[in-house]
Amino acid sequence: QLLLVAKEIDTPDLLILNAGIYEPVLIEKFCIETFIKQSEIN
């Protein structure tokens, strides 16, 4: 998807890489999926 967008626009003068999420980790409910999700996005 990102490559398609890049193909259709002119060269950026400024590229701001800002996308990200935050989900708290509760040690009593430790879940590996929380780590995977934030790593994949952030």
ModelCIF file with pLDDT and N, C-alpha, C, O atoms, coordinates in Angstrom:
data_MODEL
#
_entry.id   MODEL 
#
_entity.id                         1 
_entity.type                       polymer 
_entity.pdbx_number_of_molecules   1 
#
_entity_poly.entity_id                      1 
_entity_poly.type                           'polypeptide(L)' 
_entity_poly.nstd_linkage                   no 
_entity_poly.nstd_monomer                   no 
_entity_poly.pdbx_seq_one_letter_code       QLLLVAKEIDTPDLLILNAGIYEPVLIEKFCIETFIKQSEIN 
_entity_poly.pdbx_seq_one_letter_code_can   QLLLVAKEIDTPDLLILNAGIYEPVLIEKFCIETFIKQSEIN 
_entity_poly.pdbx_strand_id                 A 
#
loop_
_entity_poly_seq.entity_id 
_entity_poly_seq.num 
_entity_poly_seq.mon_id 
_entity_poly_seq.hetero 
1 1  GLN n 
1 2  LEU n 
1 3  LEU n 
1 4  LEU n 
1 5  VAL n 
1 6  ALA n 
1 7  LYS n 
1 8  GLU n 
1 9  ILE n 
1 10 ASP n 
1 11 THR n 
1 12 PRO n 
1 13 ASP n 
1 14 LEU n 
1 15 LEU n 
1 16 ILE n 
1 17 LEU n 
1 18 ASN n 
1 19 ALA n 
1 20 GLY n 
1 21 ILE n 
1 22 TYR n 
1 23 GLU n 
1 24 PRO n 
1 25 VAL n 
1 26 LEU n 
1 27 ILE n 
1 28 GLU n 
1 29 LYS n 
1 30 PHE n 
1 31 CYS n 
1 32 ILE n 
1 33 GLU n 
1 34 THR n 
1 35 PHE n 
1 36 ILE n 
1 37 LYS n 
1 38 GLN n 
1 39 SER n 
1 40 GLU n 
1 41 ILE n 
1 42 ASN n 
#
_struct_asym.id          A 
_struct_asym.entity_id   1 
#
loop_
_ma_qa_metric.id 
_ma_qa_metric.mode 
_ma_qa_metric.name 
_ma_qa_metric.software_group_id 
_ma_qa_metric.type 
1 global pLDDT . pLDDT 
2 local  pLDDT . pLDDT 
#
_ma_qa_metric_global.metric_id      1 
_ma_qa_metric_global.metric_value   95.19 
_ma_qa_metric_global.model_id       1 
_ma_qa_metric_global.ordinal_id     1 
#
loop_
_ma_qa_metric_local.label_asym_id 
_ma_qa_metric_local.label_comp_id 
_ma_qa_metric_local.label_seq_id 
_ma_qa_metric_local.metric_id 
_ma_qa_metric_local.metric_value 
_ma_qa_metric_local.model_id 
_ma_qa_metric_local.ordinal_id 
A GLN 1  2 98.00 1 1  
A LEU 2  2 98.00 1 2  
A LEU 3  2 98.00 1 3  
A LEU 4  2 97.00 1 4  
A VAL 5  2 98.00 1 5  
A ALA 6  2 98.00 1 6  
A LYS 7  2 97.00 1 7  
A GLU 8  2 95.00 1 8  
A ILE 9  2 96.00 1 9  
A ASP 10 2 96.00 1 10 
A THR 11 2 97.00 1 11 
A PRO 12 2 98.00 1 12 
A ASP 13 2 98.00 1 13 
A LEU 14 2 98.00 1 14 
A LEU 15 2 98.00 1 15 
A ILE 16 2 97.00 1 16 
A LEU 17 2 98.00 1 17 
A ASN 18 2 94.00 1 18 
A ALA 19 2 94.00 1 19 
A GLY 20 2 93.00 1 20 
A ILE 21 2 92.00 1 21 
A TYR 22 2 89.00 1 22 
A GLU 23 2 91.00 1 23 
A PRO 24 2 89.00 1 24 
A VAL 25 2 90.00 1 25 
A LEU 26 2 91.00 1 26 
A ILE 27 2 90.00 1 27 
A GLU 28 2 93.00 1 28 
A LYS 29 2 89.00 1 29 
A PHE 30 2 92.00 1 30 
A CYS 31 2 94.00 1 31 
A ILE 32 2 95.00 1 32 
A GLU 33 2 96.00 1 33 
A THR 34 2 95.00 1 34 
A PHE 35 2 96.00 1 35 
A ILE 36 2 97.00 1 36 
A LYS 37 2 97.00 1 37 
A GLN 38 2 97.00 1 38 
A SER 39 2 97.00 1 39 
A GLU 40 2 98.00 1 40 
A ILE 41 2 97.00 1 41 
A ASN 42 2 97.00 1 42 
#
loop_
_atom_site.group_PDB 
_atom_site.id 
_atom_site.type_symbol 
_atom_site.label_atom_id 
_atom_site.label_alt_id 
_atom_site.label_comp_id 
_atom_site.label_asym_id 
_atom_site.label_entity_id 
_atom_site.label_seq_id 
_atom_site.pdbx_PDB_ins_code 
_atom_site.Cartn_x 
_atom_site.Cartn_y 
_atom_site.Cartn_z 
_atom_site.occupancy 
_atom_site.B_iso_or_equiv 
_atom_site.pdbx_formal_charge 
_atom_site.auth_seq_id 
_atom_site.auth_comp_id 
_atom_site.auth_asym_id 
_atom_site.auth_atom_id 
_atom_site.pdbx_PDB_model_num 
ATOM 1   N N  . GLN A 1 1  ? 0.827  -1.204  0.000  1.00 98.00 ? 1  GLN A N  1 
ATOM 2   C CA . GLN A 1 1  ? 0.000  0.000   0.000  1.00 98.00 ? 1  GLN A CA 1 
ATOM 3   C C  . GLN A 1 1  ? 0.862  1.255   0.000  1.00 98.00 ? 1  GLN A C  1 
ATOM 4   O O  . GLN A 1 1  ? 0.584  2.206   -0.731 1.00 98.00 ? 1  GLN A O  1 
ATOM 5   N N  . LEU A 1 2  ? 1.892  1.256   0.808  1.00 98.00 ? 2  LEU A N  1 
ATOM 6   C CA . LEU A 1 2  ? 2.762  2.424   0.910  1.00 98.00 ? 2  LEU A CA 1 
ATOM 7   C C  . LEU A 1 2  ? 3.517  2.677   -0.394 1.00 98.00 ? 2  LEU A C  1 
ATOM 8   O O  . LEU A 1 2  ? 3.696  3.828   -0.791 1.00 98.00 ? 2  LEU A O  1 
ATOM 9   N N  . LEU A 1 3  ? 3.951  1.631   -1.047 1.00 98.00 ? 3  LEU A N  1 
ATOM 10  C CA . LEU A 1 3  ? 4.657  1.773   -2.322 1.00 98.00 ? 3  LEU A CA 1 
ATOM 11  C C  . LEU A 1 3  ? 3.748  2.366   -3.394 1.00 98.00 ? 3  LEU A C  1 
ATOM 12  O O  . LEU A 1 3  ? 4.201  3.148   -4.229 1.00 98.00 ? 3  LEU A O  1 
ATOM 13  N N  . LEU A 1 4  ? 2.475  2.000   -3.372 1.00 97.00 ? 4  LEU A N  1 
ATOM 14  C CA . LEU A 1 4  ? 1.520  2.569   -4.328 1.00 97.00 ? 4  LEU A CA 1 
ATOM 15  C C  . LEU A 1 4  ? 1.344  4.061   -4.100 1.00 97.00 ? 4  LEU A C  1 
ATOM 16  O O  . LEU A 1 4  ? 1.280  4.844   -5.047 1.00 97.00 ? 4  LEU A O  1 
ATOM 17  N N  . VAL A 1 5  ? 1.266  4.443   -2.835 1.00 98.00 ? 5  VAL A N  1 
ATOM 18  C CA . VAL A 1 5  ? 1.141  5.866   -2.511 1.00 98.00 ? 5  VAL A CA 1 
ATOM 19  C C  . VAL A 1 5  ? 2.383  6.619   -2.986 1.00 98.00 ? 5  VAL A C  1 
ATOM 20  O O  . VAL A 1 5  ? 2.281  7.669   -3.620 1.00 98.00 ? 5  VAL A O  1 
ATOM 21  N N  . ALA A 1 6  ? 3.551  6.071   -2.671 1.00 98.00 ? 6  ALA A N  1 
ATOM 22  C CA . ALA A 1 6  ? 4.809  6.722   -3.041 1.00 98.00 ? 6  ALA A CA 1 
ATOM 23  C C  . ALA A 1 6  ? 4.937  6.883   -4.550 1.00 98.00 ? 6  ALA A C  1 
ATOM 24  O O  . ALA A 1 6  ? 5.487  7.874   -5.031 1.00 98.00 ? 6  ALA A O  1 
ATOM 25  N N  . LYS A 1 7  ? 4.435  5.922   -5.283 1.00 97.00 ? 7  LYS A N  1 
ATOM 26  C CA . LYS A 1 7  ? 4.510  5.961   -6.743 1.00 97.00 ? 7  LYS A CA 1 
ATOM 27  C C  . LYS A 1 7  ? 3.675  7.088   -7.314 1.00 97.00 ? 7  LYS A C  1 
ATOM 28  O O  . LYS A 1 7  ? 4.023  7.657   -8.348 1.00 97.00 ? 7  LYS A O  1 
ATOM 29  N N  . GLU A 1 8  ? 2.563  7.421   -6.646 1.00 95.00 ? 8  GLU A N  1 
ATOM 30  C CA . GLU A 1 8  ? 1.602  8.376   -7.186 1.00 95.00 ? 8  GLU A CA 1 
ATOM 31  C C  . GLU A 1 8  ? 1.858  9.825   -6.783 1.00 95.00 ? 8  GLU A C  1 
ATOM 32  O O  . GLU A 1 8  ? 1.155  10.720  -7.252 1.00 95.00 ? 8  GLU A O  1 
ATOM 33  N N  . ILE A 1 9  ? 2.835  10.074  -5.936 1.00 96.00 ? 9  ILE A N  1 
ATOM 34  C CA . ILE A 1 9  ? 3.081  11.446  -5.496 1.00 96.00 ? 9  ILE A CA 1 
ATOM 35  C C  . ILE A 1 9  ? 4.464  11.904  -5.940 1.00 96.00 ? 9  ILE A C  1 
ATOM 36  O O  . ILE A 1 9  ? 5.331  11.099  -6.283 1.00 96.00 ? 9  ILE A O  1 
ATOM 37  N N  . ASP A 1 10 ? 4.644  13.227  -5.923 1.00 96.00 ? 10 ASP A N  1 
ATOM 38  C CA . ASP A 1 10 ? 5.956  13.775  -6.222 1.00 96.00 ? 10 ASP A CA 1 
ATOM 39  C C  . ASP A 1 10 ? 6.903  13.521  -5.051 1.00 96.00 ? 10 ASP A C  1 
ATOM 40  O O  . ASP A 1 10 ? 6.478  13.102  -3.975 1.00 96.00 ? 10 ASP A O  1 
ATOM 41  N N  . THR A 1 11 ? 8.165  13.775  -5.269 1.00 97.00 ? 11 THR A N  1 
ATOM 42  C CA . THR A 1 11 ? 9.182  13.538  -4.252 1.00 97.00 ? 11 THR A CA 1 
ATOM 43  C C  . THR A 1 11 ? 8.926  14.387  -3.006 1.00 97.00 ? 11 THR A C  1 
ATOM 44  O O  . THR A 1 11 ? 8.794  15.607  -3.110 1.00 97.00 ? 11 THR A O  1 
ATOM 45  N N  . PRO A 1 12 ? 8.855  13.766  -1.844 1.00 98.00 ? 12 PRO A N  1 
ATOM 46  C CA . PRO A 1 12 ? 8.662  14.545  -0.610 1.00 98.00 ? 12 PRO A CA 1 
ATOM 47  C C  . PRO A 1 12 ? 9.888  15.404  -0.292 1.00 98.00 ? 12 PRO A C  1 
ATOM 48  O O  . PRO A 1 12 ? 11.027 14.974  -0.470 1.00 98.00 ? 12 PRO A O  1 
ATOM 49  N N  . ASP A 1 13 ? 9.633  16.616  0.177  1.00 98.00 ? 13 ASP A N  1 
ATOM 50  C CA . ASP A 1 13 ? 10.702 17.439  0.727  1.00 98.00 ? 13 ASP A CA 1 
ATOM 51  C C  . ASP A 1 13 ? 10.856 17.148  2.218  1.00 98.00 ? 13 ASP A C  1 
ATOM 52  O O  . ASP A 1 13 ? 11.927 17.319  2.801  1.00 98.00 ? 13 ASP A O  1 
ATOM 53  N N  . LEU A 1 14 ? 9.752  16.705  2.811  1.00 98.00 ? 14 LEU A N  1 
ATOM 54  C CA . LEU A 1 14 ? 9.727  16.399  4.242  1.00 98.00 ? 14 LEU A CA 1 
ATOM 55  C C  . LEU A 1 14 ? 8.941  15.114  4.464  1.00 98.00 ? 14 LEU A C  1 
ATOM 56  O O  . LEU A 1 14 ? 7.782  15.011  4.062  1.00 98.00 ? 14 LEU A O  1 
ATOM 57  N N  . LEU A 1 15 ? 9.563  14.150  5.094  1.00 98.00 ? 15 LEU A N  1 
ATOM 58  C CA . LEU A 1 15 ? 8.929  12.869  5.403  1.00 98.00 ? 15 LEU A CA 1 
ATOM 59  C C  . LEU A 1 15 ? 8.841  12.724  6.914  1.00 98.00 ? 15 LEU A C  1 
ATOM 60  O O  . LEU A 1 15 ? 9.858  12.568  7.591  1.00 98.00 ? 15 LEU A O  1 
ATOM 61  N N  . ILE A 1 16 ? 7.618  12.777  7.443  1.00 97.00 ? 16 ILE A N  1 
ATOM 62  C CA . ILE A 1 16 ? 7.404  12.663  8.883  1.00 97.00 ? 16 ILE A CA 1 
ATOM 63  C C  . ILE A 1 16 ? 6.835  11.289  9.202  1.00 97.00 ? 16 ILE A C  1 
ATOM 64  O O  . ILE A 1 16 ? 5.699  10.979  8.840  1.00 97.00 ? 16 ILE A O  1 
ATOM 65  N N  . LEU A 1 17 ? 7.626  10.469  9.880  1.00 98.00 ? 17 LEU A N  1 
ATOM 66  C CA . LEU A 1 17 ? 7.238  9.106   10.216 1.00 98.00 ? 17 LEU A CA 1 
ATOM 67  C C  . LEU A 1 17 ? 6.731  9.103   11.656 1.00 98.00 ? 17 LEU A C  1 
ATOM 68  O O  . LEU A 1 17 ? 7.500  9.008   12.612 1.00 98.00 ? 17 LEU A O  1 
ATOM 69  N N  . ASN A 1 18 ? 5.410  9.212   11.773 1.00 94.00 ? 18 ASN A N  1 
ATOM 70  C CA . ASN A 1 18 ? 4.792  9.489   13.063 1.00 94.00 ? 18 ASN A CA 1 
ATOM 71  C C  . ASN A 1 18 ? 3.843  8.400   13.555 1.00 94.00 ? 18 ASN A C  1 
ATOM 72  O O  . ASN A 1 18 ? 3.459  8.402   14.725 1.00 94.00 ? 18 ASN A O  1 
ATOM 73  N N  . ALA A 1 19 ? 3.463  7.479   12.689 1.00 94.00 ? 19 ALA A N  1 
ATOM 74  C CA . ALA A 1 19 ? 2.453  6.483   13.070 1.00 94.00 ? 19 ALA A CA 1 
ATOM 75  C C  . ALA A 1 19 ? 2.918  5.648   14.256 1.00 94.00 ? 19 ALA A C  1 
ATOM 76  O O  . ALA A 1 19 ? 4.066  5.206   14.305 1.00 94.00 ? 19 ALA A O  1 
ATOM 77  N N  . GLY A 1 20 ? 2.026  5.439   15.200 1.00 93.00 ? 20 GLY A N  1 
ATOM 78  C CA . GLY A 1 20 ? 2.373  4.625   16.353 1.00 93.00 ? 20 GLY A CA 1 
ATOM 79  C C  . GLY A 1 20 ? 1.183  4.415   17.274 1.00 93.00 ? 20 GLY A C  1 
ATOM 80  O O  . GLY A 1 20 ? 0.209  5.167   17.229 1.00 93.00 ? 20 GLY A O  1 
ATOM 81  N N  . ILE A 1 21 ? 1.269  3.394   18.103 1.00 92.00 ? 21 ILE A N  1 
ATOM 82  C CA . ILE A 1 21 ? 0.215  3.103   19.075 1.00 92.00 ? 21 ILE A CA 1 
ATOM 83  C C  . ILE A 1 21 ? 0.848  2.830   20.430 1.00 92.00 ? 21 ILE A C  1 
ATOM 84  O O  . ILE A 1 21 ? 2.039  2.538   20.532 1.00 92.00 ? 21 ILE A O  1 
ATOM 85  N N  . TYR A 1 22 ? 0.036  2.929   21.455 1.00 89.00 ? 22 TYR A N  1 
ATOM 86  C CA . TYR A 1 22 ? 0.477  2.571   22.800 1.00 89.00 ? 22 TYR A CA 1 
ATOM 87  C C  . TYR A 1 22 ? -0.585 1.705   23.455 1.00 89.00 ? 22 TYR A C  1 
ATOM 88  O O  . TYR A 1 22 ? -1.761 2.067   23.498 1.00 89.00 ? 22 TYR A O  1 
ATOM 89  N N  . GLU A 1 23 ? -0.156 0.560   23.964 1.00 91.00 ? 23 GLU A N  1 
ATOM 90  C CA . GLU A 1 23 ? -1.021 -0.296  24.766 1.00 91.00 ? 23 GLU A CA 1 
ATOM 91  C C  . GLU A 1 23 ? -0.233 -0.686  26.016 1.00 91.00 ? 23 GLU A C  1 
ATOM 92  O O  . GLU A 1 23 ? 0.863  -1.234  25.899 1.00 91.00 ? 23 GLU A O  1 
ATOM 93  N N  . PRO A 1 24 ? -0.762 -0.418  27.197 1.00 89.00 ? 24 PRO A N  1 
ATOM 94  C CA . PRO A 1 24 ? -0.027 -0.731  28.431 1.00 89.00 ? 24 PRO A CA 1 
ATOM 95  C C  . PRO A 1 24 ? 0.141  -2.235  28.625 1.00 89.00 ? 24 PRO A C  1 
ATOM 96  O O  . PRO A 1 24 ? -0.701 -3.032  28.213 1.00 89.00 ? 24 PRO A O  1 
ATOM 97  N N  . VAL A 1 25 ? 1.227  -2.591  29.249 1.00 90.00 ? 25 VAL A N  1 
ATOM 98  C CA . VAL A 1 25 ? 1.475  -3.996  29.581 1.00 90.00 ? 25 VAL A CA 1 
ATOM 99  C C  . VAL A 1 25 ? 1.268  -4.180  31.081 1.00 90.00 ? 25 VAL A C  1 
ATOM 100 O O  . VAL A 1 25 ? 1.976  -3.580  31.890 1.00 90.00 ? 25 VAL A O  1 
ATOM 101 N N  . LEU A 1 26 ? 0.311  -4.998  31.441 1.00 91.00 ? 26 LEU A N  1 
ATOM 102 C CA . LEU A 1 26 ? 0.073  -5.347  32.837 1.00 91.00 ? 26 LEU A CA 1 
ATOM 103 C C  . LEU A 1 26 ? 0.812  -6.646  33.118 1.00 91.00 ? 26 LEU A C  1 
ATOM 104 O O  . LEU A 1 26 ? 0.532  -7.675  32.504 1.00 91.00 ? 26 LEU A O  1 
ATOM 105 N N  . ILE A 1 27 ? 1.742  -6.594  34.034 1.00 90.00 ? 27 ILE A N  1 
ATOM 106 C CA . ILE A 1 27 ? 2.607  -7.746  34.265 1.00 90.00 ? 27 ILE A CA 1 
ATOM 107 C C  . ILE A 1 27 ? 1.805  -8.984  34.663 1.00 90.00 ? 27 ILE A C  1 
ATOM 108 O O  . ILE A 1 27 ? 2.225  -10.111 34.403 1.00 90.00 ? 27 ILE A O  1 
ATOM 109 N N  . GLU A 1 28 ? 0.642  -8.768  35.299 1.00 93.00 ? 28 GLU A N  1 
ATOM 110 C CA . GLU A 1 28 ? -0.212 -9.890  35.703 1.00 93.00 ? 28 GLU A CA 1 
ATOM 111 C C  . GLU A 1 28 ? -0.936 -10.515 34.510 1.00 93.00 ? 28 GLU A C  1 
ATOM 112 O O  . GLU A 1 28 ? -1.413 -11.647 34.587 1.00 93.00 ? 28 GLU A O  1 
ATOM 113 N N  . LYS A 1 29 ? -1.013 -9.755  33.392 1.00 89.00 ? 29 LYS A N  1 
ATOM 114 C CA . LYS A 1 29 ? -1.693 -10.252 32.191 1.00 89.00 ? 29 LYS A CA 1 
ATOM 115 C C  . LYS A 1 29 ? -0.768 -10.132 30.990 1.00 89.00 ? 29 LYS A C  1 
ATOM 116 O O  . LYS A 1 29 ? -1.153 -9.660  29.920 1.00 89.00 ? 29 LYS A O  1 
ATOM 117 N N  . PHE A 1 30 ? 0.453  -10.572 31.203 1.00 92.00 ? 30 PHE A N  1 
ATOM 118 C CA . PHE A 1 30 ? 1.478  -10.453 30.166 1.00 92.00 ? 30 PHE A CA 1 
ATOM 119 C C  . PHE A 1 30 ? 1.044  -11.183 28.900 1.00 92.00 ? 30 PHE A C  1 
ATOM 120 O O  . PHE A 1 30 ? 0.664  -12.353 28.947 1.00 92.00 ? 30 PHE A O  1 
ATOM 121 N N  . CYS A 1 31 ? 1.104  -10.477 27.761 1.00 94.00 ? 31 CYS A N  1 
ATOM 122 C CA . CYS A 1 31 ? 0.622  -11.047 26.501 1.00 94.00 ? 31 CYS A CA 1 
ATOM 123 C C  . CYS A 1 31 ? 1.583  -10.696 25.377 1.00 94.00 ? 31 CYS A C  1 
ATOM 124 O O  . CYS A 1 31 ? 1.807  -9.521  25.086 1.00 94.00 ? 31 CYS A O  1 
ATOM 125 N N  . ILE A 1 32 ? 2.145  -11.710 24.753 1.00 95.00 ? 32 ILE A N  1 
ATOM 126 C CA . ILE A 1 32 ? 3.126  -11.489 23.692 1.00 95.00 ? 32 ILE A CA 1 
ATOM 127 C C  . ILE A 1 32 ? 2.528  -10.739 22.506 1.00 95.00 ? 32 ILE A C  1 
ATOM 128 O O  . ILE A 1 32 ? 3.240  -10.014 21.811 1.00 95.00 ? 32 ILE A O  1 
ATOM 129 N N  . GLU A 1 33 ? 1.245  -10.903 22.273 1.00 96.00 ? 33 GLU A N  1 
ATOM 130 C CA . GLU A 1 33 ? 0.596  -10.232 21.143 1.00 96.00 ? 33 GLU A CA 1 
ATOM 131 C C  . GLU A 1 33 ? 0.681  -8.713  21.259 1.00 96.00 ? 33 GLU A C  1 
ATOM 132 O O  . GLU A 1 33 ? 0.758  -8.010  20.251 1.00 96.00 ? 33 GLU A O  1 
ATOM 133 N N  . THR A 1 34 ? 0.667  -8.215  22.484 1.00 95.00 ? 34 THR A N  1 
ATOM 134 C CA . THR A 1 34 ? 0.800  -6.775  22.689 1.00 95.00 ? 34 THR A CA 1 
ATOM 135 C C  . THR A 1 34 ? 2.150  -6.283  22.179 1.00 95.00 ? 34 THR A C  1 
ATOM 136 O O  . THR A 1 34 ? 2.245  -5.206  21.591 1.00 95.00 ? 34 THR A O  1 
ATOM 137 N N  . PHE A 1 35 ? 3.187  -7.077  22.408 1.00 96.00 ? 35 PHE A N  1 
ATOM 138 C CA . PHE A 1 35 ? 4.530  -6.724  21.955 1.00 96.00 ? 35 PHE A CA 1 
ATOM 139 C C  . PHE A 1 35 ? 4.635  -6.798  20.432 1.00 96.00 ? 35 PHE A C  1 
ATOM 140 O O  . PHE A 1 35 ? 5.220  -5.925  19.791 1.00 96.00 ? 35 PHE A O  1 
ATOM 141 N N  . ILE A 1 36 ? 4.064  -7.842  19.877 1.00 97.00 ? 36 ILE A N  1 
ATOM 142 C CA . ILE A 1 36 ? 4.122  -8.014  18.420 1.00 97.00 ? 36 ILE A CA 1 
ATOM 143 C C  . ILE A 1 36 ? 3.393  -6.875  17.714 1.00 97.00 ? 36 ILE A C  1 
ATOM 144 O O  . ILE A 1 36 ? 3.902  -6.315  16.743 1.00 97.00 ? 36 ILE A O  1 
ATOM 145 N N  . LYS A 1 37 ? 2.205  -6.534  18.201 1.00 97.00 ? 37 LYS A N  1 
ATOM 146 C CA . LYS A 1 37 ? 1.406  -5.486  17.569 1.00 97.00 ? 37 LYS A CA 1 
ATOM 147 C C  . LYS A 1 37 ? 2.128  -4.146  17.588 1.00 97.00 ? 37 LYS A C  1 
ATOM 148 O O  . LYS A 1 37 ? 2.183  -3.458  16.569 1.00 97.00 ? 37 LYS A O  1 
ATOM 149 N N  . GLN A 1 38 ? 2.683  -3.770  18.740 1.00 97.00 ? 38 GLN A N  1 
ATOM 150 C CA . GLN A 1 38 ? 3.357  -2.478  18.828 1.00 97.00 ? 38 GLN A CA 1 
ATOM 151 C C  . GLN A 1 38 ? 4.657  -2.464  18.033 1.00 97.00 ? 38 GLN A C  1 
ATOM 152 O O  . GLN A 1 38 ? 5.029  -1.432  17.475 1.00 97.00 ? 38 GLN A O  1 
ATOM 153 N N  . SER A 1 39 ? 5.345  -3.593  17.976 1.00 97.00 ? 39 SER A N  1 
ATOM 154 C CA . SER A 1 39 ? 6.559  -3.668  17.166 1.00 97.00 ? 39 SER A CA 1 
ATOM 155 C C  . SER A 1 39 ? 6.247  -3.528  15.681 1.00 97.00 ? 39 SER A C  1 
ATOM 156 O O  . SER A 1 39 ? 6.976  -2.859  14.950 1.00 97.00 ? 39 SER A O  1 
ATOM 157 N N  . GLU A 1 40 ? 5.173  -4.156  15.242 1.00 98.00 ? 40 GLU A N  1 
ATOM 158 C CA . GLU A 1 40 ? 4.812  -4.115  13.823 1.00 98.00 ? 40 GLU A CA 1 
ATOM 159 C C  . GLU A 1 40 ? 4.410  -2.718  13.375 1.00 98.00 ? 40 GLU A C  1 
ATOM 160 O O  . GLU A 1 40 ? 4.695  -2.319  12.246 1.00 98.00 ? 40 GLU A O  1 
ATOM 161 N N  . ILE A 1 41 ? 3.750  -1.973  14.253 1.00 97.00 ? 41 ILE A N  1 
ATOM 162 C CA . ILE A 1 41 ? 3.305  -0.626  13.887 1.00 97.00 ? 41 ILE A CA 1 
ATOM 163 C C  . ILE A 1 41 ? 4.366  0.423   14.212 1.00 97.00 ? 41 ILE A C  1 
ATOM 164 O O  . ILE A 1 41 ? 4.766  1.199   13.344 1.00 97.00 ? 41 ILE A O  1 
ATOM 165 N N  . ASN A 1 42 ? 4.816  0.442   15.460 1.00 97.00 ? 42 ASN A N  1 
ATOM 166 C CA . ASN A 1 42 ? 5.699  1.511   15.917 1.00 97.00 ? 42 ASN A CA 1 
ATOM 167 C C  . ASN A 1 42 ? 7.092  1.459   15.308 1.00 97.00 ? 42 ASN A C  1 
ATOM 168 O O  . ASN A 1 42 ? 7.931  2.307   15.614 1.00 97.00 ? 42 ASN A O  1 
#
